[in-house]
Amino acid sequence: MKTRLDLMKAFLSDIEDLKHKNEVAKAILTKLREIIYETDNVLTDCILRDEYKKHCVAFGLIPSRSLLFSTRLATNLRHISTRMESIEKSLGSFLRASDSLEAPFCKG
């Protein structure tokens, strides 16, 4: 998940200038930005939860609601993964269409 997030962030920075030229690129960038923020939030929640658990153990406390957190996390990760796959397909289609439009102009 982290690798996919990093790749999406890199892609976002690479094509930021396209959003002014193409409505499809704008729509994809918006969805990409949303999923990056959502994924980053889930990863932050996991880090915070891990820190919370460490402190609870250090003080002899039992972390509560672990099952609820795990269930919500699994649901969020499935949802994010599905959305990432959809965005990746859209990007692939967009890039193939862009290449086919540019191909006639690139021929000598």
N, C-alpha and C. Protein backbone atom coordinates (compact mmCIF):
# COMPACT_ATOMS: atom_id res chain seq x y z
N MET A 1 0.84 -1.19 0.00
CA MET A 1 0.00 0.00 0.00
C MET A 1 0.88 1.26 0.00
N LYS A 2 1.93 1.24 0.81
CA LYS A 2 2.83 2.40 0.89
C LYS A 2 3.51 2.64 -0.45
N THR A 3 3.94 1.57 -1.11
CA THR A 3 4.59 1.71 -2.41
C THR A 3 3.64 2.31 -3.44
N ARG A 4 2.40 1.80 -3.46
CA ARG A 4 1.42 2.34 -4.40
C ARG A 4 1.16 3.82 -4.11
N LEU A 5 1.09 4.17 -2.82
CA LEU A 5 0.87 5.56 -2.44
C LEU A 5 2.03 6.42 -2.92
N ASP A 6 3.26 5.98 -2.73
CA ASP A 6 4.42 6.74 -3.17
C ASP A 6 4.44 6.91 -4.69
N LEU A 7 4.09 5.84 -5.42
CA LEU A 7 4.05 5.94 -6.87
C LEU A 7 2.98 6.92 -7.34
N MET A 8 1.83 6.89 -6.66
CA MET A 8 0.76 7.82 -7.03
C MET A 8 1.16 9.26 -6.73
N LYS A 9 1.85 9.49 -5.62
CA LYS A 9 2.32 10.83 -5.31
C LYS A 9 3.31 11.31 -6.36
N ALA A 10 4.22 10.43 -6.78
CA ALA A 10 5.20 10.79 -7.81
C ALA A 10 4.50 11.11 -9.13
N PHE A 11 3.54 10.27 -9.49
CA PHE A 11 2.80 10.51 -10.73
C PHE A 11 2.06 11.84 -10.66
N LEU A 12 1.45 12.12 -9.52
CA LEU A 12 0.71 13.37 -9.34
C LEU A 12 1.63 14.57 -9.56
N SER A 13 2.81 14.53 -9.01
CA SER A 13 3.72 15.67 -9.19
C SER A 13 4.21 15.78 -10.63
N ASP A 14 4.36 14.63 -11.32
CA ASP A 14 4.83 14.65 -12.71
C ASP A 14 3.81 15.23 -13.69
N ILE A 15 2.52 15.02 -13.43
CA ILE A 15 1.53 15.47 -14.42
C ILE A 15 0.68 16.65 -13.92
N GLU A 16 1.14 17.30 -12.89
CA GLU A 16 0.39 18.44 -12.34
C GLU A 16 0.09 19.49 -13.40
N ASP A 17 1.02 19.74 -14.31
CA ASP A 17 0.81 20.76 -15.33
C ASP A 17 -0.22 20.37 -16.39
N LEU A 18 -0.54 19.07 -16.50
CA LEU A 18 -1.53 18.62 -17.47
C LEU A 18 -2.95 19.05 -17.12
N LYS A 19 -3.20 19.31 -15.84
CA LYS A 19 -4.57 19.59 -15.43
C LYS A 19 -5.13 20.84 -16.09
N HIS A 20 -4.28 21.73 -16.52
CA HIS A 20 -4.75 22.94 -17.19
C HIS A 20 -5.06 22.69 -18.66
N LYS A 21 -4.56 21.59 -19.18
CA LYS A 21 -4.71 21.31 -20.61
C LYS A 21 -5.81 20.31 -20.93
N ASN A 22 -6.21 19.53 -19.97
CA ASN A 22 -7.08 18.42 -20.30
C ASN A 22 -8.08 18.14 -19.18
N GLU A 23 -9.34 18.10 -19.51
CA GLU A 23 -10.40 17.86 -18.51
C GLU A 23 -10.32 16.45 -17.93
N VAL A 24 -9.95 15.48 -18.75
CA VAL A 24 -9.82 14.10 -18.25
C VAL A 24 -8.69 14.05 -17.22
N ALA A 25 -7.58 14.68 -17.54
CA ALA A 25 -6.46 14.71 -16.60
C ALA A 25 -6.88 15.39 -15.30
N LYS A 26 -7.67 16.44 -15.40
CA LYS A 26 -8.16 17.14 -14.20
C LYS A 26 -8.96 16.20 -13.31
N ALA A 27 -9.88 15.46 -13.92
CA ALA A 27 -10.73 14.54 -13.15
C ALA A 27 -9.90 13.44 -12.50
N ILE A 28 -8.95 12.89 -13.25
CA ILE A 28 -8.10 11.84 -12.70
C ILE A 28 -7.24 12.39 -11.57
N LEU A 29 -6.70 13.58 -11.75
CA LEU A 29 -5.88 14.19 -10.70
C LEU A 29 -6.67 14.42 -9.42
N THR A 30 -7.91 14.83 -9.57
CA THR A 30 -8.75 15.05 -8.39
C THR A 30 -8.96 13.75 -7.63
N LYS A 31 -9.30 12.70 -8.36
CA LYS A 31 -9.50 11.39 -7.72
C LYS A 31 -8.21 10.87 -7.11
N LEU A 32 -7.12 11.08 -7.81
CA LEU A 32 -5.82 10.64 -7.33
C LEU A 32 -5.45 11.37 -6.03
N ARG A 33 -5.66 12.66 -6.01
CA ARG A 33 -5.37 13.45 -4.81
C ARG A 33 -6.22 12.97 -3.63
N GLU A 34 -7.50 12.70 -3.87
CA GLU A 34 -8.39 12.22 -2.80
C GLU A 34 -7.92 10.89 -2.23
N ILE A 35 -7.54 9.96 -3.10
CA ILE A 35 -7.13 8.64 -2.62
C ILE A 35 -5.79 8.72 -1.91
N ILE A 36 -4.92 9.62 -2.35
CA ILE A 36 -3.64 9.80 -1.65
C ILE A 36 -3.88 10.30 -0.24
N TYR A 37 -4.75 11.30 -0.08
CA TYR A 37 -5.04 11.81 1.26
C TYR A 37 -5.70 10.75 2.14
N GLU A 38 -6.64 10.02 1.56
CA GLU A 38 -7.34 8.98 2.33
C GLU A 38 -6.37 7.88 2.77
N THR A 39 -5.50 7.45 1.85
CA THR A 39 -4.53 6.42 2.18
C THR A 39 -3.54 6.91 3.23
N ASP A 40 -3.10 8.13 3.08
CA ASP A 40 -2.18 8.71 4.06
C ASP A 40 -2.83 8.78 5.44
N ASN A 41 -4.12 9.12 5.49
CA ASN A 41 -4.84 9.15 6.77
C ASN A 41 -4.91 7.77 7.41
N VAL A 42 -5.19 6.74 6.61
CA VAL A 42 -5.27 5.38 7.15
C VAL A 42 -3.91 4.94 7.69
N LEU A 43 -2.84 5.23 6.93
CA LEU A 43 -1.51 4.87 7.39
C LEU A 43 -1.15 5.61 8.68
N THR A 44 -1.53 6.87 8.78
CA THR A 44 -1.30 7.65 10.00
C THR A 44 -2.08 7.05 11.17
N ASP A 45 -3.33 6.66 10.93
CA ASP A 45 -4.12 6.01 11.98
C ASP A 45 -3.44 4.74 12.49
N CYS A 46 -2.86 3.98 11.57
CA CYS A 46 -2.16 2.75 11.97
C CYS A 46 -0.94 3.06 12.82
N ILE A 47 -0.19 4.07 12.43
CA ILE A 47 0.99 4.47 13.21
C ILE A 47 0.57 4.94 14.60
N LEU A 48 -0.47 5.77 14.65
CA LEU A 48 -0.95 6.26 15.95
C LEU A 48 -1.47 5.12 16.82
N ARG A 49 -2.18 4.18 16.20
CA ARG A 49 -2.71 3.04 16.95
C ARG A 49 -1.56 2.20 17.52
N ASP A 50 -0.52 2.02 16.72
CA ASP A 50 0.63 1.26 17.18
C ASP A 50 1.31 1.95 18.37
N GLU A 51 1.45 3.26 18.28
CA GLU A 51 2.04 4.03 19.39
C GLU A 51 1.17 3.92 20.64
N TYR A 52 -0.13 4.01 20.46
CA TYR A 52 -1.08 3.89 21.57
C TYR A 52 -0.93 2.53 22.25
N LYS A 53 -0.83 1.48 21.43
CA LYS A 53 -0.69 0.13 21.98
C LYS A 53 0.62 -0.02 22.75
N LYS A 54 1.70 0.58 22.24
CA LYS A 54 2.99 0.52 22.93
C LYS A 54 2.90 1.17 24.31
N HIS A 55 2.23 2.32 24.38
CA HIS A 55 2.09 3.04 25.65
C HIS A 55 1.21 2.26 26.61
N CYS A 56 0.17 1.65 26.11
CA CYS A 56 -0.71 0.86 26.97
C CYS A 56 0.04 -0.31 27.59
N VAL A 57 0.84 -0.99 26.78
CA VAL A 57 1.61 -2.13 27.28
C VAL A 57 2.64 -1.65 28.29
N ALA A 58 3.28 -0.52 28.02
CA ALA A 58 4.30 0.01 28.93
C ALA A 58 3.71 0.34 30.30
N PHE A 59 2.45 0.75 30.34
CA PHE A 59 1.80 1.10 31.60
C PHE A 59 0.92 -0.01 32.14
N GLY A 60 0.98 -1.18 31.52
CA GLY A 60 0.21 -2.33 32.00
C GLY A 60 -1.28 -2.25 31.70
N LEU A 61 -1.66 -1.44 30.72
CA LEU A 61 -3.06 -1.31 30.34
C LEU A 61 -3.37 -2.22 29.16
N ILE A 62 -4.62 -2.55 28.99
CA ILE A 62 -5.06 -3.38 27.86
C ILE A 62 -5.71 -2.46 26.83
N PRO A 63 -5.16 -2.42 25.61
CA PRO A 63 -5.77 -1.59 24.58
C PRO A 63 -7.20 -2.06 24.28
N SER A 64 -8.12 -1.14 24.25
CA SER A 64 -9.51 -1.50 23.99
C SER A 64 -9.84 -1.34 22.51
N ARG A 65 -10.88 -2.01 22.12
CA ARG A 65 -11.45 -1.90 20.77
C ARG A 65 -10.49 -2.32 19.66
N SER A 66 -9.60 -3.25 19.93
CA SER A 66 -8.67 -3.71 18.90
C SER A 66 -9.41 -4.37 17.74
N LEU A 67 -10.43 -5.17 18.07
CA LEU A 67 -11.19 -5.85 17.02
C LEU A 67 -11.93 -4.84 16.14
N LEU A 68 -12.54 -3.84 16.77
CA LEU A 68 -13.25 -2.81 16.02
C LEU A 68 -12.29 -2.05 15.10
N PHE A 69 -11.13 -1.69 15.63
CA PHE A 69 -10.13 -0.98 14.81
C PHE A 69 -9.69 -1.84 13.63
N SER A 70 -9.41 -3.12 13.90
CA SER A 70 -8.96 -4.02 12.84
C SER A 70 -10.03 -4.20 11.76
N THR A 71 -11.28 -4.30 12.17
CA THR A 71 -12.38 -4.46 11.22
C THR A 71 -12.52 -3.21 10.35
N ARG A 72 -12.49 -2.06 10.99
CA ARG A 72 -12.59 -0.80 10.22
C ARG A 72 -11.40 -0.63 9.29
N LEU A 73 -10.22 -0.98 9.79
CA LEU A 73 -9.01 -0.88 8.97
C LEU A 73 -9.12 -1.76 7.73
N ALA A 74 -9.54 -3.00 7.93
CA ALA A 74 -9.68 -3.92 6.79
C ALA A 74 -10.69 -3.39 5.77
N THR A 75 -11.80 -2.87 6.25
CA THR A 75 -12.82 -2.30 5.36
C THR A 75 -12.25 -1.11 4.59
N ASN A 76 -11.56 -0.21 5.30
CA ASN A 76 -10.97 0.97 4.66
C ASN A 76 -9.92 0.56 3.62
N LEU A 77 -9.09 -0.41 3.96
CA LEU A 77 -8.04 -0.84 3.03
C LEU A 77 -8.62 -1.49 1.78
N ARG A 78 -9.68 -2.29 1.94
CA ARG A 78 -10.34 -2.88 0.76
C ARG A 78 -10.93 -1.78 -0.12
N HIS A 79 -11.58 -0.81 0.50
CA HIS A 79 -12.18 0.30 -0.24
C HIS A 79 -11.10 1.10 -0.98
N ILE A 80 -10.02 1.40 -0.30
CA ILE A 80 -8.93 2.16 -0.92
C ILE A 80 -8.31 1.37 -2.06
N SER A 81 -8.08 0.09 -1.84
CA SER A 81 -7.48 -0.75 -2.87
C SER A 81 -8.35 -0.81 -4.13
N THR A 82 -9.65 -0.94 -3.94
CA THR A 82 -10.59 -0.96 -5.06
C THR A 82 -10.54 0.36 -5.82
N ARG A 83 -10.53 1.46 -5.08
CA ARG A 83 -10.47 2.78 -5.72
C ARG A 83 -9.13 2.99 -6.44
N MET A 84 -8.04 2.52 -5.83
CA MET A 84 -6.72 2.64 -6.48
C MET A 84 -6.70 1.87 -7.80
N GLU A 85 -7.26 0.66 -7.80
CA GLU A 85 -7.31 -0.13 -9.03
C GLU A 85 -8.11 0.59 -10.10
N SER A 86 -9.21 1.21 -9.72
CA SER A 86 -10.03 1.94 -10.67
C SER A 86 -9.26 3.14 -11.25
N ILE A 87 -8.57 3.85 -10.38
CA ILE A 87 -7.78 5.00 -10.84
C ILE A 87 -6.65 4.54 -11.75
N GLU A 88 -5.99 3.44 -11.38
CA GLU A 88 -4.91 2.92 -12.21
C GLU A 88 -5.41 2.54 -13.60
N LYS A 89 -6.61 1.94 -13.68
CA LYS A 89 -7.19 1.60 -14.98
C LYS A 89 -7.50 2.87 -15.77
N SER A 90 -8.06 3.87 -15.10
CA SER A 90 -8.36 5.14 -15.77
C SER A 90 -7.09 5.79 -16.29
N LEU A 91 -6.04 5.76 -15.47
CA LEU A 91 -4.76 6.34 -15.89
C LEU A 91 -4.20 5.60 -17.09
N GLY A 92 -4.29 4.28 -17.06
CA GLY A 92 -3.80 3.48 -18.19
C GLY A 92 -4.55 3.82 -19.47
N SER A 93 -5.86 3.91 -19.37
CA SER A 93 -6.67 4.27 -20.54
C SER A 93 -6.34 5.66 -21.03
N PHE A 94 -6.20 6.59 -20.11
CA PHE A 94 -5.88 7.98 -20.46
C PHE A 94 -4.52 8.07 -21.15
N LEU A 95 -3.52 7.39 -20.58
CA LEU A 95 -2.17 7.45 -21.15
C LEU A 95 -2.11 6.78 -22.51
N ARG A 96 -2.84 5.64 -22.69
CA ARG A 96 -2.87 4.99 -24.00
C ARG A 96 -3.55 5.91 -25.03
N ALA A 97 -4.62 6.58 -24.63
CA ALA A 97 -5.32 7.49 -25.53
C ALA A 97 -4.42 8.67 -25.88
N SER A 98 -3.69 9.19 -24.90
CA SER A 98 -2.78 10.31 -25.15
C SER A 98 -1.67 9.90 -26.11
N ASP A 99 -1.13 8.70 -25.93
CA ASP A 99 -0.07 8.21 -26.81
C ASP A 99 -0.58 8.05 -28.24
N SER A 100 -1.81 7.54 -28.39
CA SER A 100 -2.34 7.32 -29.74
C SER A 100 -2.64 8.64 -30.43
N LEU A 101 -2.99 9.67 -29.65
CA LEU A 101 -3.26 10.98 -30.25
C LEU A 101 -1.95 11.65 -30.67
N GLU A 102 -0.88 11.42 -29.92
CA GLU A 102 0.39 12.05 -30.23
C GLU A 102 1.16 11.31 -31.32
N ALA A 103 0.90 10.04 -31.50
CA ALA A 103 1.65 9.20 -32.43
C ALA A 103 1.68 9.76 -33.86
N PRO A 104 0.56 10.21 -34.44
CA PRO A 104 0.62 10.71 -35.82
C PRO A 104 1.52 11.94 -35.96
N PHE A 105 1.62 12.74 -34.91
CA PHE A 105 2.42 13.96 -34.97
C PHE A 105 3.90 13.66 -34.79
N CYS A 106 4.21 12.51 -34.20
CA CYS A 106 5.60 12.16 -33.92
C CYS A 106 6.27 11.50 -35.11
N LYS A 107 5.49 11.04 -36.07
CA LYS A 107 6.08 10.38 -37.25
C LYS A 107 6.73 11.41 -38.15
N GLY A 108 7.87 11.02 -38.70
CA GLY A 108 8.67 11.93 -39.52
C GLY A 108 7.99 12.24 -40.77
